[in-house]
Amino acid sequence: MRFSFSAIAISTLSLVSSALAAFPNPGKVSGSVDVHDPAICRNSAGKWFLFSTAPGIGIRTSTDRYGA
């Protein structure tokens, strides 16, 4: 069976949009973060990680994003 490019593109876009809609927005971060090039992510257990650069690679963790 042969699929057209547009059918594959539409299928891919619908899968990506549904995956993005299923992931919750992390919310607003307030206070002094004092990091350079921050990246934040959450593991499956609900623990948050904040990675930063300069000087070195800093890693901070939190269970609620408001403190350690």
PDB file of N, CA and C in Angstrom:
ATOM      1  N   MET A   1       0.844  -1.162   0.000  1.00  0.00           N
ATOM      2  CA  MET A   1       0.000   0.000   0.000  1.00  0.00           C
ATOM      3  C   MET A   1       0.898   1.236   0.000  1.00  0.00           C
ATOM      4  N   ARG A   2       0.517   2.211  -0.766  1.00  0.00           N
ATOM      5  CA  ARG A   2       1.339   3.403  -0.890  1.00  0.00           C
ATOM      6  C   ARG A   2       0.630   4.586  -0.233  1.00  0.00           C
ATOM      7  N   PHE A   3       1.384   5.314   0.598  1.00  0.00           N
ATOM      8  CA  PHE A   3       0.833   6.480   1.280  1.00  0.00           C
ATOM      9  C   PHE A   3       1.387   7.744   0.645  1.00  0.00           C
ATOM     10  N   SER A   4       0.566   8.747   0.568  1.00  0.00           N
ATOM     11  CA  SER A   4       1.036  10.018   0.038  1.00  0.00           C
ATOM     12  C   SER A   4       1.775  10.791   1.134  1.00  0.00           C
ATOM     13  N   PHE A   5       2.604  11.702   0.705  1.00  0.00           N
ATOM     14  CA  PHE A   5       3.366  12.522   1.648  1.00  0.00           C
ATOM     15  C   PHE A   5       2.433  13.314   2.556  1.00  0.00           C
ATOM     16  N   SER A   6       1.354  13.847   2.000  1.00  0.00           N
ATOM     17  CA  SER A   6       0.443  14.658   2.822  1.00  0.00           C
ATOM     18  C   SER A   6      -0.255  13.815   3.885  1.00  0.00           C
ATOM     19  N   ALA A   7      -0.592  12.566   3.581  1.00  0.00           N
ATOM     20  CA  ALA A   7      -1.224  11.702   4.584  1.00  0.00           C
ATOM     21  C   ALA A   7      -0.261  11.394   5.717  1.00  0.00           C
ATOM     22  N   ILE A   8       0.989  11.144   5.386  1.00  0.00           N
ATOM     23  CA  ILE A   8       2.001  10.877   6.414  1.00  0.00           C
ATOM     24  C   ILE A   8       2.254  12.130   7.241  1.00  0.00           C
ATOM     25  N   ALA A   9       2.326  13.289   6.593  1.00  0.00           N
ATOM     26  CA  ALA A   9       2.564  14.546   7.310  1.00  0.00           C
ATOM     27  C   ALA A   9       1.414  14.868   8.257  1.00  0.00           C
ATOM     28  N   ILE A  10       0.187  14.680   7.808  1.00  0.00           N
ATOM     29  CA  ILE A  10      -0.972  14.955   8.665  1.00  0.00           C
ATOM     30  C   ILE A  10      -0.996  14.005   9.853  1.00  0.00           C
ATOM     31  N   SER A  11      -0.693  12.739   9.619  1.00  0.00           N
ATOM     32  CA  SER A  11      -0.650  11.767  10.716  1.00  0.00           C
ATOM     33  C   SER A  11       0.422  12.130  11.734  1.00  0.00           C
ATOM     34  N   THR A  12       1.587  12.504  11.253  1.00  0.00           N
ATOM     35  CA  THR A  12       2.686  12.876  12.142  1.00  0.00           C
ATOM     36  C   THR A  12       2.336  14.115  12.952  1.00  0.00           C
ATOM     37  N   LEU A  13       1.784  15.122  12.311  1.00  0.00           N
ATOM     38  CA  LEU A  13       1.417  16.351  13.022  1.00  0.00           C
ATOM     39  C   LEU A  13       0.340  16.101  14.068  1.00  0.00           C
ATOM     40  N   SER A  14      -0.613  15.240  13.773  1.00  0.00           N
ATOM     41  CA  SER A  14      -1.650  14.963  14.765  1.00  0.00           C
ATOM     42  C   SER A  14      -1.087  14.205  15.959  1.00  0.00           C
ATOM     43  N   LEU A  15      -0.149  13.293  15.726  1.00  0.00           N
ATOM     44  CA  LEU A  15       0.483  12.578  16.838  1.00  0.00           C
ATOM     45  C   LEU A  15       1.308  13.517  17.708  1.00  0.00           C
ATOM     46  N   VAL A  16       2.065  14.411  17.080  1.00  0.00           N
ATOM     47  CA  VAL A  16       2.894  15.356  17.829  1.00  0.00           C
ATOM     48  C   VAL A  16       2.018  16.310  18.633  1.00  0.00           C
ATOM     49  N   SER A  17       0.956  16.820  18.030  1.00  0.00           N
ATOM     50  CA  SER A  17       0.103  17.766  18.754  1.00  0.00           C
ATOM     51  C   SER A  17      -0.609  17.095  19.923  1.00  0.00           C
ATOM     52  N   SER A  18      -1.011  15.844  19.769  1.00  0.00           N
ATOM     53  CA  SER A  18      -1.654  15.162  20.895  1.00  0.00           C
ATOM     54  C   SER A  18      -0.658  14.867  22.010  1.00  0.00           C
ATOM     55  N   ALA A  19       0.585  14.571  21.656  1.00  0.00           N
ATOM     56  CA  ALA A  19       1.609  14.335  22.679  1.00  0.00           C
ATOM     57  C   ALA A  19       1.916  15.622  23.437  1.00  0.00           C
ATOM     58  N   LEU A  20       1.982  16.739  22.740  1.00  0.00           N
ATOM     59  CA  LEU A  20       2.252  18.018  23.400  1.00  0.00           C
ATOM     60  C   LEU A  20       1.085  18.444  24.283  1.00  0.00           C
ATOM     61  N   ALA A  21      -0.124  18.161  23.871  1.00  0.00           N
ATOM     62  CA  ALA A  21      -1.289  18.533  24.664  1.00  0.00           C
ATOM     63  C   ALA A  21      -1.379  17.707  25.940  1.00  0.00           C
ATOM     64  N   ALA A  22      -0.832  16.499  25.931  1.00  0.00           N
ATOM     65  CA  ALA A  22      -0.905  15.621  27.095  1.00  0.00           C
ATOM     66  C   ALA A  22       0.101  16.003  28.175  1.00  0.00           C
ATOM     67  N   PHE A  23       1.158  16.738  27.827  1.00  0.00           N
ATOM     68  CA  PHE A  23       2.179  17.109  28.798  1.00  0.00           C
ATOM     69  C   PHE A  23       1.787  18.417  29.468  1.00  0.00           C
ATOM     70  N   PRO A  24       1.723  18.463  30.807  1.00  0.00           N
ATOM     71  CA  PRO A  24       1.296  19.686  31.492  1.00  0.00           C
ATOM     72  C   PRO A  24       2.370  20.775  31.454  1.00  0.00           C
ATOM     73  N   ASN A  25       1.918  22.003  31.396  1.00  0.00           N
ATOM     74  CA  ASN A  25       2.818  23.143  31.456  1.00  0.00           C
ATOM     75  C   ASN A  25       3.415  23.209  32.863  1.00  0.00           C
ATOM     76  N   PRO A  26       4.734  23.417  33.010  1.00  0.00           N
ATOM     77  CA  PRO A  26       5.336  23.396  34.343  1.00  0.00           C
ATOM     78  C   PRO A  26       4.925  24.554  35.238  1.00  0.00           C
ATOM     79  N   GLY A  27       4.342  25.601  34.693  1.00  0.00           N
ATOM     80  CA  GLY A  27       3.906  26.716  35.521  1.00  0.00           C
ATOM     81  C   GLY A  27       4.956  27.807  35.627  1.00  0.00           C
ATOM     82  N   LYS A  28       4.579  28.899  36.268  1.00  0.00           N
ATOM     83  CA  LYS A  28       5.453  30.059  36.393  1.00  0.00           C
ATOM     84  C   LYS A  28       6.460  29.839  37.512  1.00  0.00           C
ATOM     85  N   VAL A  29       7.710  30.148  37.222  1.00  0.00           N
ATOM     86  CA  VAL A  29       8.776  30.071  38.226  1.00  0.00           C
ATOM     87  C   VAL A  29       8.987  31.474  38.772  1.00  0.00           C
ATOM     88  N   SER A  30       9.014  31.617  40.085  1.00  0.00           N
ATOM     89  CA  SER A  30       9.202  32.930  40.693  1.00  0.00           C
ATOM     90  C   SER A  30      10.397  32.897  41.626  1.00  0.00           C
ATOM     91  N   GLY A  31      10.844  34.068  42.004  1.00  0.00           N
ATOM     92  CA  GLY A  31      11.993  34.155  42.897  1.00  0.00           C
ATOM     93  C   GLY A  31      13.297  34.257  42.130  1.00  0.00           C
ATOM     94  N   SER A  32      14.380  34.230  42.844  1.00  0.00           N
ATOM     95  CA  SER A  32      15.705  34.341  42.250  1.00  0.00           C
ATOM     96  C   SER A  32      16.241  32.958  41.920  1.00  0.00           C
ATOM     97  N   VAL A  33      16.411  32.698  40.653  1.00  0.00           N
ATOM     98  CA  VAL A  33      16.929  31.404  40.224  1.00  0.00           C
ATOM     99  C   VAL A  33      18.446  31.471  40.070  1.00  0.00           C
ATOM    100  N   ASP A  34      18.964  32.600  39.615  1.00  0.00           N
ATOM    101  CA  ASP A  34      20.403  32.839  39.472  1.00  0.00           C
ATOM    102  C   ASP A  34      21.135  31.710  38.754  1.00  0.00           C
ATOM    103  N   VAL A  35      20.681  31.382  37.561  1.00  0.00           N
ATOM    104  CA  VAL A  35      21.369  30.385  36.747  1.00  0.00           C
ATOM    105  C   VAL A  35      21.550  30.923  35.339  1.00  0.00           C
ATOM    106  N   HIS A  36      22.540  30.383  34.646  1.00  0.00           N
ATOM    107  CA  HIS A  36      22.806  30.737  33.262  1.00  0.00           C
ATOM    108  C   HIS A  36      22.423  29.548  32.394  1.00  0.00           C
ATOM    109  N   ASP A  37      21.699  29.773  31.316  1.00  0.00           N
ATOM    110  CA  ASP A  37      21.224  28.717  30.409  1.00  0.00           C
ATOM    111  C   ASP A  37      20.420  27.657  31.153  1.00  0.00           C
ATOM    112  N   PRO A  38      19.334  28.034  31.838  1.00  0.00           N
ATOM    113  CA  PRO A  38      18.591  27.042  32.623  1.00  0.00           C
ATOM    114  C   PRO A  38      17.812  26.062  31.750  1.00  0.00           C
ATOM    115  N   ALA A  39      17.699  24.855  32.235  1.00  0.00           N
ATOM    116  CA  ALA A  39      16.841  23.825  31.641  1.00  0.00           C
ATOM    117  C   ALA A  39      16.173  23.094  32.792  1.00  0.00           C
ATOM    118  N   ILE A  40      14.858  22.929  32.716  1.00  0.00           N
ATOM    119  CA  ILE A  40      14.134  22.273  33.796  1.00  0.00           C
ATOM    120  C   ILE A  40      13.382  21.078  33.227  1.00  0.00           C
ATOM    121  N   CYS A  41      13.376  19.983  33.981  1.00  0.00           N
ATOM    122  CA  CYS A  41      12.638  18.792  33.568  1.00  0.00           C
ATOM    123  C   CYS A  41      12.166  18.040  34.804  1.00  0.00           C
ATOM    124  N   ARG A  42      11.234  17.119  34.599  1.00  0.00           N
ATOM    125  CA  ARG A  42      10.653  16.350  35.699  1.00  0.00           C
ATOM    126  C   ARG A  42      10.741  14.873  35.354  1.00  0.00           C
ATOM    127  N   ASN A  43      11.116  14.050  36.336  1.00  0.00           N
ATOM    128  CA  ASN A  43      11.166  12.609  36.087  1.00  0.00           C
ATOM    129  C   ASN A  43       9.812  11.976  36.381  1.00  0.00           C
ATOM    130  N   SER A  44       9.697  10.686  36.143  1.00  0.00           N
ATOM    131  CA  SER A  44       8.408  10.003  36.292  1.00  0.00           C
ATOM    132  C   SER A  44       7.939   9.931  37.743  1.00  0.00           C
ATOM    133  N   ALA A  45       8.848  10.100  38.696  1.00  0.00           N
ATOM    134  CA  ALA A  45       8.479  10.081  40.116  1.00  0.00           C
ATOM    135  C   ALA A  45       8.006  11.448  40.610  1.00  0.00           C
ATOM    136  N   GLY A  46       8.062  12.479  39.756  1.00  0.00           N
ATOM    137  CA  GLY A  46       7.601  13.804  40.132  1.00  0.00           C
ATOM    138  C   GLY A  46       8.686  14.722  40.664  1.00  0.00           C
ATOM    139  N   LYS A  47       9.932  14.326  40.602  1.00  0.00           N
ATOM    140  CA  LYS A  47      11.041  15.160  41.074  1.00  0.00           C
ATOM    141  C   LYS A  47      11.484  16.080  39.941  1.00  0.00           C
ATOM    142  N   TRP A  48      11.663  17.366  40.257  1.00  0.00           N
ATOM    143  CA  TRP A  48      12.079  18.371  39.284  1.00  0.00           C
ATOM    144  C   TRP A  48      13.586  18.551  39.337  1.00  0.00           C
ATOM    145  N   PHE A  49      14.191  18.787  38.178  1.00  0.00           N
ATOM    146  CA  PHE A  49      15.624  19.021  38.056  1.00  0.00           C
ATOM    147  C   PHE A  49      15.847  20.327  37.312  1.00  0.00           C
ATOM    148  N   LEU A  50      16.755  21.156  37.838  1.00  0.00           N
ATOM    149  CA  LEU A  50      17.154  22.390  37.177  1.00  0.00           C
ATOM    150  C   LEU A  50      18.632  22.265  36.854  1.00  0.00           C
ATOM    151  N   PHE A  51      18.962  22.285  35.567  1.00  0.00           N
ATOM    152  CA  PHE A  51      20.344  22.203  35.113  1.00  0.00           C
ATOM    153  C   PHE A  51      20.771  23.583  34.633  1.00  0.00           C
ATOM    154  N   SER A  52      21.997  23.974  34.939  1.00  0.00           N
ATOM    155  CA  SER A  52      22.485  25.286  34.529  1.00  0.00           C
ATOM    156  C   SER A  52      23.974  25.214  34.217  1.00  0.00           C
ATOM    157  N   THR A  53      24.470  26.280  33.588  1.00  0.00           N
ATOM    158  CA  THR A  53      25.893  26.363  33.255  1.00  0.00           C
ATOM    159  C   THR A  53      26.499  27.603  33.886  1.00  0.00           C
ATOM    160  N   ALA A  54      27.793  27.675  33.871  1.00  0.00           N
ATOM    161  CA  ALA A  54      28.606  28.818  34.265  1.00  0.00           C
ATOM    162  C   ALA A  54      28.497  29.138  35.744  1.00  0.00           C
ATOM    163  N   PRO A  55      29.430  28.846  36.560  1.00  0.00           N
ATOM    164  CA  PRO A  55      30.614  28.044  36.266  1.00  0.00           C
ATOM    165  C   PRO A  55      30.289  26.559  36.415  1.00  0.00           C
ATOM    166  N   GLY A  56      30.715  25.758  35.499  1.00  0.00           N
ATOM    167  CA  GLY A  56      30.460  24.321  35.548  1.00  0.00           C
ATOM    168  C   GLY A  56      29.011  23.989  35.236  1.00  0.00           C
ATOM    169  N   ILE A  57      28.623  22.775  35.551  1.00  0.00           N
ATOM    170  CA  ILE A  57      27.247  22.319  35.353  1.00  0.00           C
ATOM    171  C   ILE A  57      26.594  22.187  36.719  1.00  0.00           C
ATOM    172  N   GLY A  58      25.618  23.035  36.986  1.00  0.00           N
ATOM    173  CA  GLY A  58      24.910  22.980  38.260  1.00  0.00           C
ATOM    174  C   GLY A  58      23.628  22.183  38.130  1.00  0.00           C
ATOM    175  N   ILE A  59      23.304  21.403  39.155  1.00  0.00           N
ATOM    176  CA  ILE A  59      22.064  20.632  39.173  1.00  0.00           C
ATOM    177  C   ILE A  59      21.360  20.894  40.496  1.00  0.00           C
ATOM    178  N   ARG A  60      20.125  21.365  40.421  1.00  0.00           N
ATOM    179  CA  ARG A  60      19.303  21.562  41.614  1.00  0.00           C
ATOM    180  C   ARG A  60      18.072  20.678  41.478  1.00  0.00           C
ATOM    181  N   THR A  61      17.581  20.159  42.593  1.00  0.00           N
ATOM    182  CA  THR A  61      16.398  19.303  42.559  1.00  0.00           C
ATOM    183  C   THR A  61      15.335  19.833  43.512  1.00  0.00           C
ATOM    184  N   SER A  62      14.089  19.488  43.215  1.00  0.00           N
ATOM    185  CA  SER A  62      12.971  19.899  44.047  1.00  0.00           C
ATOM    186  C   SER A  62      11.801  18.953  43.811  1.00  0.00           C
ATOM    187  N   THR A  63      10.984  18.781  44.819  1.00  0.00           N
ATOM    188  CA  THR A  63       9.779  17.980  44.642  1.00  0.00           C
ATOM    189  C   THR A  63       8.581  18.841  44.283  1.00  0.00           C
ATOM    190  N   ASP A  64       8.687  20.168  44.488  1.00  0.00           N
ATOM    191  CA  ASP A  64       7.554  21.046  44.211  1.00  0.00           C
ATOM    192  C   ASP A  64       7.919  22.304  43.427  1.00  0.00           C
ATOM    193  N   ARG A  65       9.156  22.441  42.966  1.00  0.00           N
ATOM    194  CA  ARG A  65       9.675  23.587  42.213  1.00  0.00           C
ATOM    195  C   ARG A  65       9.788  24.857  43.045  1.00  0.00           C
ATOM    196  N   TYR A  66       9.549  24.812  44.355  1.00  0.00           N
ATOM    197  CA  TYR A  66       9.616  26.012  45.183  1.00  0.00           C
ATOM    198  C   TYR A  66      10.746  25.970  46.190  1.00  0.00           C
ATOM    199  N   GLY A  67      11.456  24.888  46.278  1.00  0.00           N
ATOM    200  CA  GLY A  67      12.554  24.790  47.231  1.00  0.00           C
ATOM    201  C   GLY A  67      13.118  23.392  47.245  1.00  0.00           C
ATOM    202  N   ALA A  68      14.204  23.247  47.918  1.00  0.00           N
ATOM    203  CA  ALA A  68      14.864  21.936  47.942  1.00  0.00           C
ATOM    204  C   ALA A  68      14.264  21.053  49.006  1.00  0.00           C
TER     205      ALA A  68
END
